[in-house]
Amino acid sequence: MVRLAIIFTFVLAGGFIIAQLLDFFLSINSGSSQTRKDIAELKSKIAIYISGLIPMTINELELLSVNQTGTSSSKGLSTIKSGAFTSIYHEPLLAYAYKKYTYPADKSLLLISSEDDDFIYMINGGKTQVFVNNNELGFIESDGSLYEPKTNNLLAKIEANHLLSSHPVKIADREVGEIVNVRLNESPNPRAYQFLEPMNVEETQMFKALTFLSLVEETL
């Protein structure tokens, strides 16, 4: 009986080690091919939500709420969380899927989809690469600054302090909007944005990239 217990313990330990090694080799092989596979996996997780998303016009953006539907979490070699954010009228506007790798521990992948756009965030420590519809928008540092990928010029910034009740966003020294801190939100009003200024198409994409990331990160 003791021998069986010992053997069983070794089998469990061996299985755990093999799983860790497998995850390790998958992680170090996380080049573009593996990343595409991971993105496809995340896309499949939220396909049911994406098919029902309504177009996100500027009017719908103003109606985005902090309310979620269909949230789920699964654990295996990596942790995957998914869900969808709705408008204040409970219409699905945004779907997201987040993958947290076991190794390296500070690496993760996030896909956020609206009816028109896919925002992909490759998070590695304090630096996050951002792609919109497979085009690189830039990279976000841990302080919330968004930089152009080639010139390293500052494009926009969100106040990323998690102690703030809301996060103002500036583009070229102009405050264009403010998103609530979901963790600290006690208002009965579920709107995600406290105000929005008129923005052109490019500014709107940068604003979305920063605020969508904040919205999801503070709900994980």
Protein backbone atom coordinates (compact mmCIF):
# COMPACT_ATOMS: atom_id res chain seq x y z
CA MET A 1 0.00 0.00 0.00
CA VAL A 2 2.83 2.34 0.88
CA ARG A 3 4.62 1.38 -2.32
CA LEU A 4 1.50 2.19 -4.35
CA ALA A 5 1.23 5.56 -2.64
CA ILE A 6 4.85 6.33 -3.43
CA ILE A 7 4.42 5.31 -7.06
CA PHE A 8 1.26 7.40 -7.34
CA THR A 9 3.10 10.40 -5.88
CA PHE A 10 5.91 10.02 -8.38
CA VAL A 11 3.43 9.76 -11.26
CA LEU A 12 1.70 12.95 -10.20
CA ALA A 13 5.01 14.74 -9.77
CA GLY A 14 6.19 13.48 -13.14
CA GLY A 15 3.00 14.64 -14.82
CA PHE A 16 3.33 18.07 -13.26
CA ILE A 17 6.94 18.40 -14.41
CA ILE A 18 6.05 17.29 -17.93
CA ALA A 19 3.22 19.84 -18.06
CA GLN A 20 5.54 22.59 -16.90
CA LEU A 21 8.21 21.61 -19.43
CA LEU A 22 5.62 21.51 -22.20
CA ASP A 23 4.38 24.96 -21.30
CA PHE A 24 7.99 26.18 -21.13
CA PHE A 25 8.79 24.92 -24.63
CA LEU A 26 5.55 26.38 -25.97
CA SER A 27 6.44 29.71 -24.40
CA ILE A 28 9.98 29.91 -25.75
CA ASN A 29 8.60 28.93 -29.14
CA SER A 30 6.17 31.84 -29.03
CA GLY A 31 7.28 33.44 -32.29
CA SER A 32 4.89 34.76 -34.87
CA SER A 33 3.61 31.28 -35.78
CA GLN A 34 2.77 30.37 -32.20
CA THR A 35 1.33 33.82 -31.56
CA ARG A 36 -0.99 33.44 -34.54
CA LYS A 37 -2.16 30.10 -33.15
CA ASP A 38 -2.79 31.66 -29.75
CA ILE A 39 -4.72 34.55 -31.28
CA ALA A 40 -6.82 32.08 -33.28
CA GLU A 41 -7.49 30.19 -30.05
CA LEU A 42 -8.65 33.38 -28.32
CA LYS A 43 -10.74 34.30 -31.34
CA SER A 44 -12.52 30.96 -31.14
CA LYS A 45 -13.27 31.55 -27.45
CA ILE A 46 -15.28 34.68 -28.23
CA ALA A 47 -16.68 33.75 -31.65
CA ILE A 48 -20.15 33.40 -30.18
CA TYR A 49 -19.98 36.97 -28.84
CA ILE A 50 -18.39 38.48 -31.96
CA SER A 51 -21.21 37.27 -34.17
CA GLY A 52 -23.69 39.28 -32.09
CA LEU A 53 -21.78 42.54 -31.60
CA ILE A 54 -23.50 45.69 -32.77
CA PRO A 55 -21.54 48.34 -34.75
CA MET A 56 -19.60 50.65 -32.45
CA THR A 57 -20.34 54.12 -33.77
CA ILE A 58 -19.25 57.14 -31.75
CA ASN A 59 -22.75 57.21 -30.27
CA GLU A 60 -22.48 53.58 -29.19
CA LEU A 61 -19.02 54.23 -27.76
CA GLU A 62 -20.57 56.82 -25.46
CA LEU A 63 -23.04 54.14 -24.31
CA LEU A 64 -20.39 51.55 -23.45
CA SER A 65 -20.90 50.28 -19.91
CA VAL A 66 -18.80 48.39 -17.37
CA ASN A 67 -21.39 45.60 -17.33
CA GLN A 68 -20.32 42.20 -18.62
CA THR A 69 -22.05 39.11 -19.88
CA GLY A 70 -20.97 35.53 -20.49
CA THR A 71 -17.75 35.68 -18.50
CA SER A 72 -15.78 32.45 -18.26
CA SER A 73 -12.42 31.22 -17.03
CA SER A 74 -10.53 28.04 -17.83
CA LYS A 75 -7.23 26.72 -16.52
CA GLY A 76 -4.82 24.31 -18.15
CA LEU A 77 -1.25 24.94 -19.15
CA SER A 78 -2.35 28.58 -19.34
CA THR A 79 -5.25 30.55 -17.89
CA ILE A 80 -7.83 31.92 -20.33
CA LYS A 81 -10.56 34.39 -19.37
CA SER A 82 -13.22 35.77 -21.68
CA GLY A 83 -16.41 37.78 -21.71
CA ALA A 84 -18.25 40.65 -23.38
CA PHE A 85 -19.02 44.23 -22.37
CA THR A 86 -22.43 45.65 -23.14
CA SER A 87 -23.97 49.05 -23.66
CA ILE A 88 -26.09 50.60 -20.93
CA TYR A 89 -29.00 49.03 -22.83
CA HIS A 90 -27.43 45.54 -22.53
CA GLU A 91 -26.39 45.31 -26.19
CA PRO A 92 -23.03 43.53 -26.70
CA LEU A 93 -20.36 45.99 -27.86
CA LEU A 94 -16.98 44.46 -26.99
CA ALA A 95 -15.75 40.89 -26.64
CA TYR A 96 -12.44 39.93 -25.11
CA ALA A 97 -10.28 36.89 -24.42
CA TYR A 98 -7.16 36.95 -22.25
CA LYS A 99 -4.44 34.31 -22.04
CA LYS A 100 -1.99 34.28 -19.13
CA TYR A 101 1.07 32.16 -19.75
CA THR A 102 2.59 30.08 -16.98
CA TYR A 103 6.08 30.83 -18.27
CA PRO A 104 7.30 33.51 -18.45
CA ALA A 105 5.06 34.60 -15.59
CA ASP A 106 4.85 38.20 -16.80
CA LYS A 107 3.73 37.34 -20.32
CA SER A 108 0.13 37.39 -21.54
CA LEU A 109 -1.95 37.92 -24.66
CA LEU A 110 -5.20 39.87 -24.93
CA LEU A 111 -7.66 40.09 -27.80
CA ILE A 112 -10.43 42.70 -27.70
CA SER A 113 -12.90 42.75 -30.59
CA SER A 114 -15.56 45.22 -31.59
CA GLU A 115 -17.83 44.73 -34.58
CA ASP A 116 -15.30 46.51 -36.81
CA ASP A 117 -11.89 46.12 -35.19
CA ASP A 118 -9.57 43.65 -33.48
CA PHE A 119 -7.20 45.02 -30.84
CA ILE A 120 -4.35 42.66 -29.99
CA TYR A 121 -2.15 43.29 -26.97
CA MET A 122 1.08 41.34 -26.53
CA ILE A 123 1.96 41.96 -22.90
CA ASN A 124 5.52 41.28 -21.78
CA GLY A 125 6.38 42.66 -18.37
CA GLY A 126 5.89 46.42 -18.30
CA LYS A 127 5.70 46.78 -22.08
CA THR A 128 2.69 46.03 -24.27
CA GLN A 129 2.71 45.90 -28.05
CA VAL A 130 -0.59 46.97 -29.59
CA PHE A 131 -1.94 45.91 -32.97
CA VAL A 132 -5.17 47.10 -34.57
CA ASN A 133 -6.44 44.85 -37.34
CA ASN A 134 -2.97 43.29 -37.63
CA ASN A 135 -1.29 46.70 -38.03
CA GLU A 136 1.09 47.74 -35.26
CA LEU A 137 -0.23 50.84 -33.53
CA GLY A 138 2.61 51.19 -31.03
CA PHE A 139 3.66 50.09 -27.58
CA ILE A 140 2.35 51.01 -24.15
CA GLU A 141 4.67 51.42 -21.19
CA SER A 142 3.63 50.64 -17.62
CA ASP A 143 2.86 54.34 -16.95
CA GLY A 144 0.18 54.30 -19.68
CA SER A 145 2.20 56.12 -22.36
CA LEU A 146 1.57 55.00 -25.95
CA TYR A 147 4.56 55.39 -28.27
CA GLU A 148 4.90 55.15 -32.03
CA PRO A 149 6.82 51.91 -32.78
CA LYS A 150 9.46 53.27 -35.19
CA THR A 151 10.19 56.77 -33.94
CA ASN A 152 9.37 56.21 -30.24
CA ASN A 153 7.39 59.46 -30.33
CA LEU A 154 4.76 59.83 -27.63
CA LEU A 155 1.30 59.48 -29.21
CA ALA A 156 -1.06 59.45 -26.26
CA LYS A 157 -1.24 58.68 -22.57
CA ILE A 158 -3.75 57.30 -20.10
CA GLU A 159 -3.27 57.98 -16.40
CA ALA A 160 -2.71 54.38 -15.35
CA ASN A 161 -2.68 54.86 -11.56
CA HIS A 162 -5.06 52.19 -10.23
CA LEU A 163 -5.81 54.32 -7.18
CA LEU A 164 -7.59 56.90 -9.33
CA SER A 165 -11.39 56.69 -9.59
CA SER A 166 -11.08 57.39 -13.33
CA HIS A 167 -8.35 57.50 -15.95
CA PRO A 168 -8.01 60.64 -18.11
CA VAL A 169 -6.61 60.18 -21.61
CA LYS A 170 -4.51 62.81 -23.38
CA ILE A 171 -3.62 62.96 -27.06
CA ALA A 172 -1.09 65.67 -27.98
CA ASP A 173 -1.62 67.40 -24.61
CA ARG A 174 -5.39 67.51 -25.19
CA GLU A 175 -7.59 65.62 -22.78
CA VAL A 176 -10.03 63.74 -24.99
CA GLY A 177 -11.86 61.50 -22.55
CA GLU A 178 -11.95 59.69 -19.25
CA ILE A 179 -12.74 56.08 -18.41
CA VAL A 180 -13.86 54.92 -14.97
CA ASN A 181 -11.78 52.67 -12.78
CA VAL A 182 -13.95 49.56 -12.67
CA ARG A 183 -12.41 48.39 -9.39
CA LEU A 184 -13.32 51.61 -7.60
CA ASN A 185 -16.57 52.41 -9.37
CA GLU A 186 -19.43 52.79 -6.89
CA SER A 187 -21.70 54.86 -9.10
CA PRO A 188 -25.10 53.40 -10.03
CA ASN A 189 -24.38 54.75 -13.53
CA PRO A 190 -22.65 51.90 -15.40
CA ARG A 191 -21.24 54.06 -18.21
CA ALA A 192 -17.57 53.35 -18.91
CA TYR A 193 -16.76 56.88 -20.09
CA GLN A 194 -17.35 59.97 -18.02
CA PHE A 195 -16.92 62.26 -21.00
CA LEU A 196 -15.71 62.17 -24.60
CA GLU A 197 -14.37 64.99 -26.76
CA PRO A 198 -14.66 64.98 -30.58
CA MET A 199 -11.78 62.97 -32.14
CA ASN A 200 -10.67 62.13 -35.64
CA VAL A 201 -10.34 58.51 -36.79
CA GLU A 202 -6.68 58.16 -35.79
CA GLU A 203 -7.24 59.71 -32.37
CA THR A 204 -10.27 57.50 -31.79
CA GLN A 205 -8.22 54.35 -32.50
CA MET A 206 -5.56 55.41 -29.99
CA PHE A 207 -8.22 56.30 -27.43
CA LYS A 208 -9.89 52.93 -27.86
CA ALA A 209 -6.59 51.07 -27.65
CA LEU A 210 -5.76 52.65 -24.30
CA THR A 211 -9.20 52.61 -22.69
CA PHE A 212 -10.25 49.14 -23.84
CA LEU A 213 -7.07 47.73 -22.29
CA SER A 214 -7.75 49.58 -19.04
CA LEU A 215 -11.35 48.35 -18.97
CA VAL A 216 -10.38 44.69 -19.34
CA GLU A 217 -7.30 44.76 -17.10
CA GLU A 218 -9.29 46.15 -14.20
CA THR A 219 -11.87 43.37 -14.46
CA LEU A 220 -9.49 40.39 -14.68
